[in-house]
Amino acid sequence: MRYWLDTEFIAAPYSIDLISIGLVAEDGREFYAESNEVDWSKANLWTLANVRPQLDGRAMERVQIGYAEAIHRWRRASGVLGYFSAYDWVAFTWLFGHLDELPFHYPQFCLDIKQWAVELGDPELPYQAGARHHALHDARWTRDAWAFLASLHPAGAARRAIRSKYPDQLAPRR
């Protein structure tokens, strides 16, 4: 099962403060959550103008987001994909504490759609209709961008994010 991920965050030196997270599953399920622990005093004017107005206000603690039922289903994920996803992946993994506290059977890395596009000559990706800089809307667009690239390069669409740095330490799948 593939998952497309996007987050909105406040980035400062040595920190990524999660604002919201959006996940779209290959089977159509979606998950969206907002953090109620955001330090808005660290946000720049762009974030305050472009991200904050789109929030719906139904926020929760990060630990609640990390243990939400939708995220627990990631144990069966065979691919996690994002767009310019380095910060998104760190923000996601920090929902569980440190990077090494990510649940063992979760994917251990995120594949980046932009990197794949560059490998393919950087074709123009589909236009994102509707709101941008909303985690769920952006995760949906990431899925659409992946589908576009998959139509150009079907073999690349088979990539998965299930390998471990130490394959000999993987527990048997049940």
N, C-alpha and C. Protein backbone atom coordinates (compact mmCIF):
# COMPACT_ATOMS: atom_id res chain seq x y z
N MET A 1 0.85 -1.18 0.00
CA MET A 1 0.00 0.00 0.00
C MET A 1 0.89 1.24 0.00
N ARG A 2 0.74 2.08 -0.98
CA ARG A 2 1.47 3.34 -1.03
C ARG A 2 0.73 4.41 -0.22
N TYR A 3 1.52 5.32 0.34
CA TYR A 3 0.99 6.48 1.05
C TYR A 3 1.70 7.72 0.54
N TRP A 4 0.94 8.77 0.33
CA TRP A 4 1.51 10.05 -0.05
C TRP A 4 1.39 10.97 1.16
N LEU A 5 2.46 11.65 1.46
CA LEU A 5 2.61 12.42 2.70
C LEU A 5 2.89 13.89 2.39
N ASP A 6 2.30 14.77 3.17
CA ASP A 6 2.70 16.16 3.17
C ASP A 6 2.49 16.72 4.56
N THR A 7 3.33 17.67 4.92
CA THR A 7 3.16 18.38 6.19
C THR A 7 3.31 19.87 5.94
N GLU A 8 2.79 20.63 6.84
CA GLU A 8 3.08 22.06 6.93
C GLU A 8 3.80 22.22 8.25
N PHE A 9 4.79 23.11 8.28
CA PHE A 9 5.64 23.22 9.47
C PHE A 9 6.28 24.59 9.52
N ILE A 10 6.82 24.89 10.69
CA ILE A 10 7.66 26.07 10.88
C ILE A 10 9.08 25.55 11.01
N ALA A 11 9.95 25.99 10.14
CA ALA A 11 11.34 25.56 10.18
C ALA A 11 12.19 26.67 10.78
N ALA A 12 13.00 26.32 11.71
CA ALA A 12 13.96 27.23 12.31
C ALA A 12 15.25 26.42 12.46
N PRO A 13 16.37 27.07 12.67
CA PRO A 13 17.59 26.29 12.86
C PRO A 13 17.40 25.22 13.95
N TYR A 14 17.70 24.00 13.58
CA TYR A 14 17.67 22.84 14.48
C TYR A 14 16.27 22.46 14.97
N SER A 15 15.24 22.90 14.25
CA SER A 15 13.89 22.49 14.66
C SER A 15 12.93 22.53 13.47
N ILE A 16 11.96 21.65 13.53
CA ILE A 16 10.85 21.62 12.59
C ILE A 16 9.60 21.49 13.45
N ASP A 17 8.78 22.51 13.47
CA ASP A 17 7.59 22.54 14.31
C ASP A 17 6.38 22.17 13.44
N LEU A 18 5.86 20.97 13.62
CA LEU A 18 4.74 20.48 12.82
C LEU A 18 3.50 21.34 13.05
N ILE A 19 2.91 21.78 11.94
CA ILE A 19 1.63 22.49 11.98
C ILE A 19 0.51 21.51 11.65
N SER A 20 0.66 20.80 10.52
CA SER A 20 -0.38 19.86 10.10
C SER A 20 0.24 18.76 9.25
N ILE A 21 -0.49 17.66 9.13
CA ILE A 21 -0.04 16.51 8.35
C ILE A 21 -1.21 15.98 7.53
N GLY A 22 -0.92 15.61 6.30
CA GLY A 22 -1.92 14.99 5.44
C GLY A 22 -1.35 13.70 4.87
N LEU A 23 -2.15 12.66 4.86
CA LEU A 23 -1.78 11.36 4.29
C LEU A 23 -2.89 10.91 3.36
N VAL A 24 -2.50 10.39 2.22
CA VAL A 24 -3.46 9.82 1.28
C VAL A 24 -2.98 8.40 0.98
N ALA A 25 -3.85 7.42 1.21
CA ALA A 25 -3.51 6.03 0.97
C ALA A 25 -3.93 5.61 -0.43
N GLU A 26 -3.25 4.63 -0.95
CA GLU A 26 -3.54 4.12 -2.29
C GLU A 26 -4.98 3.62 -2.41
N ASP A 27 -5.55 3.14 -1.31
CA ASP A 27 -6.92 2.63 -1.35
C ASP A 27 -7.98 3.73 -1.17
N GLY A 28 -7.54 4.99 -1.13
CA GLY A 28 -8.47 6.10 -1.05
C GLY A 28 -8.66 6.70 0.35
N ARG A 29 -8.17 6.02 1.38
CA ARG A 29 -8.30 6.56 2.73
C ARG A 29 -7.45 7.83 2.85
N GLU A 30 -7.91 8.75 3.67
CA GLU A 30 -7.18 9.99 3.90
C GLU A 30 -7.13 10.28 5.40
N PHE A 31 -6.09 10.96 5.80
CA PHE A 31 -5.93 11.36 7.19
C PHE A 31 -5.40 12.79 7.20
N TYR A 32 -5.98 13.62 8.06
CA TYR A 32 -5.52 14.99 8.22
C TYR A 32 -5.57 15.32 9.70
N ALA A 33 -4.52 15.96 10.19
CA ALA A 33 -4.49 16.38 11.59
C ALA A 33 -3.68 17.65 11.71
N GLU A 34 -4.03 18.44 12.72
CA GLU A 34 -3.31 19.66 13.04
C GLU A 34 -2.78 19.57 14.46
N SER A 35 -1.63 20.15 14.68
CA SER A 35 -1.02 20.16 16.01
C SER A 35 -1.52 21.37 16.79
N ASN A 36 -1.78 21.14 18.08
CA ASN A 36 -2.15 22.27 18.95
C ASN A 36 -0.93 22.74 19.75
N GLU A 37 0.25 22.27 19.35
CA GLU A 37 1.48 22.63 20.05
C GLU A 37 2.38 23.57 19.24
N VAL A 38 1.82 24.19 18.23
CA VAL A 38 2.60 25.06 17.35
C VAL A 38 2.98 26.35 18.08
N ASP A 39 4.24 26.72 17.96
CA ASP A 39 4.71 27.99 18.51
C ASP A 39 4.65 29.03 17.39
N TRP A 40 3.52 29.70 17.28
CA TRP A 40 3.30 30.65 16.19
C TRP A 40 4.24 31.85 16.27
N SER A 41 4.84 32.09 17.42
CA SER A 41 5.77 33.22 17.52
C SER A 41 7.02 32.99 16.67
N LYS A 42 7.27 31.75 16.27
CA LYS A 42 8.44 31.43 15.43
C LYS A 42 8.11 31.41 13.94
N ALA A 43 6.85 31.60 13.61
CA ALA A 43 6.43 31.54 12.21
C ALA A 43 6.81 32.82 11.48
N ASN A 44 7.19 32.66 10.22
CA ASN A 44 7.47 33.84 9.41
C ASN A 44 6.15 34.37 8.84
N LEU A 45 6.22 35.55 8.23
CA LEU A 45 5.01 36.19 7.71
C LEU A 45 4.36 35.35 6.62
N TRP A 46 5.16 34.69 5.78
CA TRP A 46 4.61 33.86 4.71
C TRP A 46 3.76 32.73 5.29
N THR A 47 4.26 32.05 6.31
CA THR A 47 3.51 30.95 6.93
C THR A 47 2.23 31.47 7.58
N LEU A 48 2.32 32.60 8.23
CA LEU A 48 1.13 33.18 8.86
C LEU A 48 0.08 33.56 7.83
N ALA A 49 0.52 34.00 6.66
CA ALA A 49 -0.42 34.44 5.61
C ALA A 49 -0.93 33.30 4.75
N ASN A 50 -0.13 32.25 4.54
CA ASN A 50 -0.49 31.21 3.58
C ASN A 50 -0.90 29.88 4.17
N VAL A 51 -0.45 29.57 5.36
CA VAL A 51 -0.77 28.28 5.98
C VAL A 51 -1.81 28.43 7.08
N ARG A 52 -1.57 29.32 8.00
CA ARG A 52 -2.45 29.45 9.17
C ARG A 52 -3.93 29.67 8.81
N PRO A 53 -4.26 30.51 7.82
CA PRO A 53 -5.68 30.73 7.52
C PRO A 53 -6.41 29.48 7.02
N GLN A 54 -5.69 28.47 6.57
CA GLN A 54 -6.33 27.26 6.03
C GLN A 54 -6.62 26.21 7.10
N LEU A 55 -6.16 26.42 8.30
CA LEU A 55 -6.35 25.43 9.36
C LEU A 55 -7.81 25.42 9.81
N ASP A 56 -8.30 24.23 10.15
CA ASP A 56 -9.71 24.14 10.56
C ASP A 56 -9.89 24.25 12.07
N GLY A 57 -8.80 24.27 12.83
CA GLY A 57 -8.90 24.48 14.27
C GLY A 57 -9.14 23.24 15.10
N ARG A 58 -9.32 22.09 14.47
CA ARG A 58 -9.53 20.85 15.24
C ARG A 58 -8.17 20.21 15.49
N ALA A 59 -7.40 20.81 16.39
CA ALA A 59 -6.02 20.40 16.62
C ALA A 59 -5.91 19.44 17.80
N MET A 60 -4.79 18.71 17.81
CA MET A 60 -4.52 17.76 18.88
C MET A 60 -3.03 17.75 19.18
N GLU A 61 -2.66 17.12 20.28
CA GLU A 61 -1.25 17.00 20.63
C GLU A 61 -0.54 16.09 19.63
N ARG A 62 0.75 16.35 19.42
CA ARG A 62 1.52 15.55 18.46
C ARG A 62 1.50 14.06 18.80
N VAL A 63 1.58 13.75 20.07
CA VAL A 63 1.58 12.32 20.44
C VAL A 63 0.25 11.67 20.04
N GLN A 64 -0.86 12.40 20.11
CA GLN A 64 -2.15 11.87 19.67
C GLN A 64 -2.15 11.66 18.16
N ILE A 65 -1.52 12.57 17.42
CA ILE A 65 -1.43 12.41 15.98
C ILE A 65 -0.63 11.16 15.65
N GLY A 66 0.50 10.99 16.31
CA GLY A 66 1.38 9.85 16.05
C GLY A 66 0.74 8.51 16.34
N TYR A 67 -0.20 8.48 17.26
CA TYR A 67 -0.84 7.21 17.59
C TYR A 67 -2.28 7.12 17.10
N ALA A 68 -2.63 7.98 16.16
CA ALA A 68 -3.96 7.91 15.54
C ALA A 68 -4.07 6.61 14.75
N GLU A 69 -5.26 6.07 14.66
CA GLU A 69 -5.48 4.79 13.97
C GLU A 69 -4.97 4.83 12.53
N ALA A 70 -5.20 5.93 11.83
CA ALA A 70 -4.78 6.02 10.43
C ALA A 70 -3.28 5.87 10.28
N ILE A 71 -2.53 6.41 11.21
CA ILE A 71 -1.07 6.30 11.12
C ILE A 71 -0.61 4.90 11.50
N HIS A 72 -1.31 4.24 12.40
CA HIS A 72 -0.93 2.87 12.76
C HIS A 72 -1.05 1.92 11.56
N ARG A 73 -1.90 2.23 10.62
CA ARG A 73 -2.03 1.39 9.43
C ARG A 73 -0.80 1.44 8.54
N TRP A 74 0.09 2.37 8.80
CA TRP A 74 1.33 2.47 8.03
C TRP A 74 2.17 1.22 8.14
N ARG A 75 1.94 0.39 9.13
CA ARG A 75 2.74 -0.84 9.28
C ARG A 75 2.73 -1.66 8.00
N ARG A 76 1.70 -1.54 7.22
CA ARG A 76 1.57 -2.31 5.98
C ARG A 76 2.01 -1.50 4.76
N ALA A 77 2.56 -0.33 4.98
CA ALA A 77 2.96 0.53 3.86
C ALA A 77 4.10 -0.09 3.08
N SER A 78 4.00 -0.03 1.77
CA SER A 78 5.08 -0.51 0.91
C SER A 78 5.78 0.64 0.22
N GLY A 79 5.26 1.82 0.37
CA GLY A 79 5.88 2.99 -0.21
C GLY A 79 5.34 4.24 0.42
N VAL A 80 6.22 5.15 0.79
CA VAL A 80 5.84 6.45 1.30
C VAL A 80 6.47 7.45 0.36
N LEU A 81 5.65 8.35 -0.16
CA LEU A 81 6.13 9.29 -1.15
C LEU A 81 5.75 10.70 -0.76
N GLY A 82 6.65 11.63 -1.01
CA GLY A 82 6.40 13.03 -0.73
C GLY A 82 7.00 13.88 -1.83
N TYR A 83 6.78 15.17 -1.76
CA TYR A 83 7.30 16.11 -2.74
C TYR A 83 8.18 17.09 -2.00
N PHE A 84 9.47 17.16 -2.33
CA PHE A 84 10.45 17.90 -1.54
C PHE A 84 10.27 17.47 -0.07
N SER A 85 10.40 16.18 0.17
CA SER A 85 9.89 15.57 1.40
C SER A 85 10.87 15.43 2.56
N ALA A 86 12.05 15.97 2.48
CA ALA A 86 13.01 15.79 3.58
C ALA A 86 12.45 16.29 4.91
N TYR A 87 11.95 17.50 4.93
CA TYR A 87 11.41 18.04 6.18
C TYR A 87 10.12 17.33 6.57
N ASP A 88 9.30 16.96 5.59
CA ASP A 88 8.06 16.23 5.88
C ASP A 88 8.37 14.93 6.61
N TRP A 89 9.38 14.21 6.12
CA TRP A 89 9.71 12.92 6.72
C TRP A 89 10.22 13.10 8.15
N VAL A 90 11.05 14.10 8.38
CA VAL A 90 11.53 14.35 9.74
C VAL A 90 10.37 14.73 10.65
N ALA A 91 9.49 15.62 10.17
CA ALA A 91 8.33 16.00 10.99
C ALA A 91 7.47 14.79 11.31
N PHE A 92 7.29 13.88 10.34
CA PHE A 92 6.52 12.67 10.58
C PHE A 92 7.20 11.77 11.62
N THR A 93 8.48 11.51 11.43
CA THR A 93 9.15 10.59 12.35
C THR A 93 9.21 11.14 13.77
N TRP A 94 9.28 12.46 13.91
CA TRP A 94 9.32 13.05 15.24
C TRP A 94 7.99 12.93 15.98
N LEU A 95 6.94 12.51 15.30
CA LEU A 95 5.69 12.24 16.01
C LEU A 95 5.86 11.09 17.00
N PHE A 96 6.91 10.30 16.81
CA PHE A 96 7.17 9.14 17.66
C PHE A 96 8.34 9.37 18.60
N GLY A 97 8.88 10.56 18.63
CA GLY A 97 10.06 10.86 19.43
C GLY A 97 11.25 11.04 18.52
N HIS A 98 12.31 10.35 18.79
CA HIS A 98 13.51 10.41 17.96
C HIS A 98 13.34 9.52 16.74
N LEU A 99 14.17 9.76 15.73
CA LEU A 99 14.12 8.96 14.51
C LEU A 99 14.24 7.47 14.79
N ASP A 100 15.07 7.11 15.75
CA ASP A 100 15.25 5.68 16.05
C ASP A 100 14.09 5.10 16.85
N GLU A 101 13.09 5.92 17.18
CA GLU A 101 11.90 5.43 17.88
C GLU A 101 10.73 5.18 16.93
N LEU A 102 10.95 5.40 15.63
CA LEU A 102 9.92 5.09 14.64
C LEU A 102 9.58 3.62 14.77
N PRO A 103 8.30 3.27 14.86
CA PRO A 103 7.95 1.85 14.99
C PRO A 103 8.65 1.00 13.93
N PHE A 104 9.17 -0.14 14.36
CA PHE A 104 10.09 -0.95 13.56
C PHE A 104 9.57 -1.32 12.19
N HIS A 105 8.29 -1.66 12.08
CA HIS A 105 7.76 -2.12 10.80
C HIS A 105 7.30 -0.99 9.90
N TYR A 106 7.44 0.25 10.34
CA TYR A 106 7.09 1.38 9.48
C TYR A 106 8.17 1.52 8.41
N PRO A 107 7.83 2.09 7.27
CA PRO A 107 8.87 2.39 6.29
C PRO A 107 9.95 3.25 6.95
N GLN A 108 11.19 2.99 6.59
CA GLN A 108 12.29 3.70 7.22
C GLN A 108 12.78 4.91 6.43
N PHE A 109 12.18 5.15 5.27
CA PHE A 109 12.53 6.33 4.49
C PHE A 109 11.38 6.67 3.57
N CYS A 110 11.45 7.86 3.00
CA CYS A 110 10.40 8.39 2.13
C CYS A 110 11.00 8.64 0.75
N LEU A 111 10.33 8.19 -0.28
CA LEU A 111 10.76 8.45 -1.65
C LEU A 111 10.28 9.83 -2.06
N ASP A 112 11.13 10.56 -2.79
CA ASP A 112 10.80 11.93 -3.14
C ASP A 112 10.37 12.04 -4.60
N ILE A 113 9.17 12.55 -4.82
CA ILE A 113 8.62 12.71 -6.17
C ILE A 113 9.46 13.69 -6.99
N LYS A 114 9.93 14.77 -6.38
CA LYS A 114 10.73 15.75 -7.12
C LYS A 114 12.02 15.12 -7.62
N GLN A 115 12.66 14.30 -6.81
CA GLN A 115 13.89 13.63 -7.25
C GLN A 115 13.60 12.73 -8.45
N TRP A 116 12.49 12.02 -8.40
CA TRP A 116 12.12 11.15 -9.51
C TRP A 116 11.88 11.98 -10.77
N ALA A 117 11.19 13.11 -10.62
CA ALA A 117 10.94 13.99 -11.76
C ALA A 117 12.27 14.46 -12.37
N VAL A 118 13.21 14.85 -11.54
CA VAL A 118 14.51 15.30 -12.04
C VAL A 118 15.20 14.17 -12.80
N GLU A 119 15.13 12.95 -12.27
CA GLU A 119 15.71 11.79 -12.97
C GLU A 119 15.09 11.60 -14.36
N LEU A 120 13.83 11.99 -14.51
CA LEU A 120 13.12 11.83 -15.78
C LEU A 120 13.21 13.07 -16.67
N GLY A 121 14.12 13.98 -16.35
CA GLY A 121 14.28 15.17 -17.18
C GLY A 121 13.48 16.37 -16.69
N ASP A 122 12.92 16.26 -15.52
CA ASP A 122 12.14 17.33 -14.88
C ASP A 122 10.96 17.81 -15.72
N PRO A 123 10.06 16.87 -16.10
CA PRO A 123 8.87 17.27 -16.87
C PRO A 123 7.97 18.16 -16.01
N GLU A 124 7.17 18.95 -16.69
CA GLU A 124 6.22 19.80 -15.98
C GLU A 124 5.16 18.91 -15.34
N LEU A 125 5.01 19.03 -14.04
CA LEU A 125 4.05 18.21 -13.30
C LEU A 125 2.65 18.82 -13.43
N PRO A 126 1.62 18.02 -13.15
CA PRO A 126 0.25 18.53 -13.25
C PRO A 126 0.05 19.76 -12.36
N TYR A 127 -0.79 20.65 -12.81
CA TYR A 127 -1.12 21.84 -12.05
C TYR A 127 -1.95 21.44 -10.84
N GLN A 128 -1.66 22.05 -9.70
CA GLN A 128 -2.44 21.77 -8.50
C GLN A 128 -3.60 22.74 -8.42
N ALA A 129 -4.78 22.25 -8.71
CA ALA A 129 -5.98 23.07 -8.60
C ALA A 129 -6.36 23.20 -7.12
N GLY A 130 -6.95 24.29 -6.76
CA GLY A 130 -7.40 24.47 -5.39
C GLY A 130 -6.30 25.00 -4.49
N ALA A 131 -6.56 24.91 -3.20
CA ALA A 131 -5.66 25.46 -2.20
C ALA A 131 -4.31 24.75 -2.19
N ARG A 132 -3.27 25.53 -2.02
CA ARG A 132 -1.92 24.99 -1.83
C ARG A 132 -1.50 25.31 -0.40
N HIS A 133 -0.52 24.58 0.07
CA HIS A 133 0.03 24.76 1.41
C HIS A 133 -0.98 24.37 2.48
N HIS A 134 -1.79 23.39 2.14
CA HIS A 134 -2.68 22.69 3.07
C HIS A 134 -2.23 21.24 2.98
N ALA A 135 -1.86 20.64 4.08
CA ALA A 135 -1.21 19.33 4.06
C ALA A 135 -2.00 18.26 3.31
N LEU A 136 -3.30 18.19 3.52
CA LEU A 136 -4.09 17.15 2.84
C LEU A 136 -4.21 17.43 1.35
N HIS A 137 -4.46 18.67 0.98
CA HIS A 137 -4.56 19.01 -0.44
C HIS A 137 -3.23 18.73 -1.15
N ASP A 138 -2.13 19.07 -0.48
CA ASP A 138 -0.81 18.85 -1.07
C ASP A 138 -0.49 17.35 -1.17
N ALA A 139 -0.94 16.55 -0.20
CA ALA A 139 -0.73 15.10 -0.28
C ALA A 139 -1.51 14.52 -1.45
N ARG A 140 -2.72 15.02 -1.67
CA ARG A 140 -3.50 14.56 -2.84
C ARG A 140 -2.78 14.92 -4.15
N TRP A 141 -2.23 16.14 -4.22
CA TRP A 141 -1.51 16.54 -5.42
C TRP A 141 -0.26 15.68 -5.60
N THR A 142 0.41 15.35 -4.52
CA THR A 142 1.59 14.49 -4.61
C THR A 142 1.22 13.15 -5.21
N ARG A 143 0.08 12.61 -4.81
CA ARG A 143 -0.41 11.36 -5.42
C ARG A 143 -0.63 11.55 -6.92
N ASP A 144 -1.23 12.67 -7.30
CA ASP A 144 -1.49 12.95 -8.72
C ASP A 144 -0.18 13.12 -9.50
N ALA A 145 0.80 13.79 -8.89
CA ALA A 145 2.10 13.96 -9.54
C ALA A 145 2.78 12.61 -9.71
N TRP A 146 2.67 11.74 -8.69
CA TRP A 146 3.23 10.39 -8.79
C TRP A 146 2.57 9.63 -9.94
N ALA A 147 1.25 9.72 -10.04
CA ALA A 147 0.53 9.01 -11.12
C ALA A 147 0.99 9.52 -12.49
N PHE A 148 1.21 10.82 -12.61
CA PHE A 148 1.71 11.38 -13.87
C PHE A 148 3.09 10.81 -14.19
N LEU A 149 3.99 10.82 -13.22
CA LEU A 149 5.33 10.28 -13.46
C LEU A 149 5.28 8.78 -13.73
N ALA A 150 4.37 8.08 -13.06
CA ALA A 150 4.23 6.63 -13.30
C ALA A 150 3.78 6.36 -14.73
N SER A 151 2.99 7.27 -15.30
CA SER A 151 2.57 7.09 -16.68
C SER A 151 3.75 7.27 -17.65
N LEU A 152 4.73 8.07 -17.24
CA LEU A 152 5.92 8.28 -18.06
C LEU A 152 6.96 7.18 -17.87
N HIS A 153 6.99 6.62 -16.66
CA HIS A 153 8.03 5.65 -16.30
C HIS A 153 7.43 4.55 -15.41
N PRO A 154 6.69 3.60 -16.00
CA PRO A 154 6.04 2.56 -15.20
C PRO A 154 6.99 1.77 -14.31
N ALA A 155 8.20 1.52 -14.76
CA ALA A 155 9.14 0.76 -13.93
C ALA A 155 9.48 1.52 -12.65
N GLY A 156 9.59 2.83 -12.74
CA GLY A 156 9.88 3.64 -11.56
C GLY A 156 8.75 3.65 -10.56
N ALA A 157 7.53 3.44 -11.05
CA ALA A 157 6.37 3.43 -10.17
C ALA A 157 6.39 2.25 -9.21
N ALA A 158 7.17 1.23 -9.54
CA ALA A 158 7.24 0.04 -8.69
C ALA A 158 8.17 0.23 -7.50
N ARG A 159 8.85 1.35 -7.40
CA ARG A 159 9.76 1.59 -6.27
C ARG A 159 8.99 1.49 -4.96
N ARG A 160 9.65 0.96 -3.97
CA ARG A 160 9.04 0.82 -2.65
C ARG A 160 10.00 1.34 -1.59
N ALA A 161 9.46 1.74 -0.46
CA ALA A 161 10.25 2.23 0.66
C ALA A 161 10.17 1.25 1.81
N ILE A 162 10.51 0.01 1.56
CA ILE A 162 10.38 -1.00 2.61
C ILE A 162 11.70 -1.58 3.06
N ARG A 163 12.76 -1.21 2.40
CA ARG A 163 14.05 -1.76 2.78
C ARG A 163 14.55 -1.15 4.08
N SER A 164 15.37 -1.90 4.75
CA SER A 164 15.95 -1.46 6.00
C SER A 164 17.45 -1.28 5.82
N LYS A 165 18.04 -0.43 6.62
CA LYS A 165 19.48 -0.26 6.59
C LYS A 165 20.17 -1.57 6.94
N TYR A 166 19.55 -2.34 7.80
CA TYR A 166 20.10 -3.61 8.24
C TYR A 166 19.08 -4.72 7.99
N PRO A 167 19.01 -5.25 6.75
CA PRO A 167 17.99 -6.25 6.40
C PRO A 167 18.00 -7.48 7.30
N ASP A 168 19.16 -7.83 7.84
CA ASP A 168 19.24 -9.01 8.70
C ASP A 168 18.52 -8.81 10.04
N GLN A 169 18.13 -7.57 10.34
CA GLN A 169 17.43 -7.29 11.59
C GLN A 169 15.93 -7.20 11.42
N LEU A 170 15.43 -7.39 10.20
CA LEU A 170 13.99 -7.33 9.98
C LEU A 170 13.31 -8.54 10.59
N ALA A 171 12.25 -8.28 11.31
CA ALA A 171 11.45 -9.37 11.86
C ALA A 171 10.59 -9.94 10.73
N PRO A 172 10.26 -11.22 10.81
CA PRO A 172 9.41 -11.80 9.74
C PRO A 172 8.07 -11.09 9.69
N ARG A 173 7.56 -10.89 8.47
CA ARG A 173 6.23 -10.29 8.30
C ARG A 173 5.17 -11.31 8.62
N ARG A 174 4.10 -10.83 9.21
CA ARG A 174 3.01 -11.75 9.56
C ARG A 174 1.84 -11.53 8.68
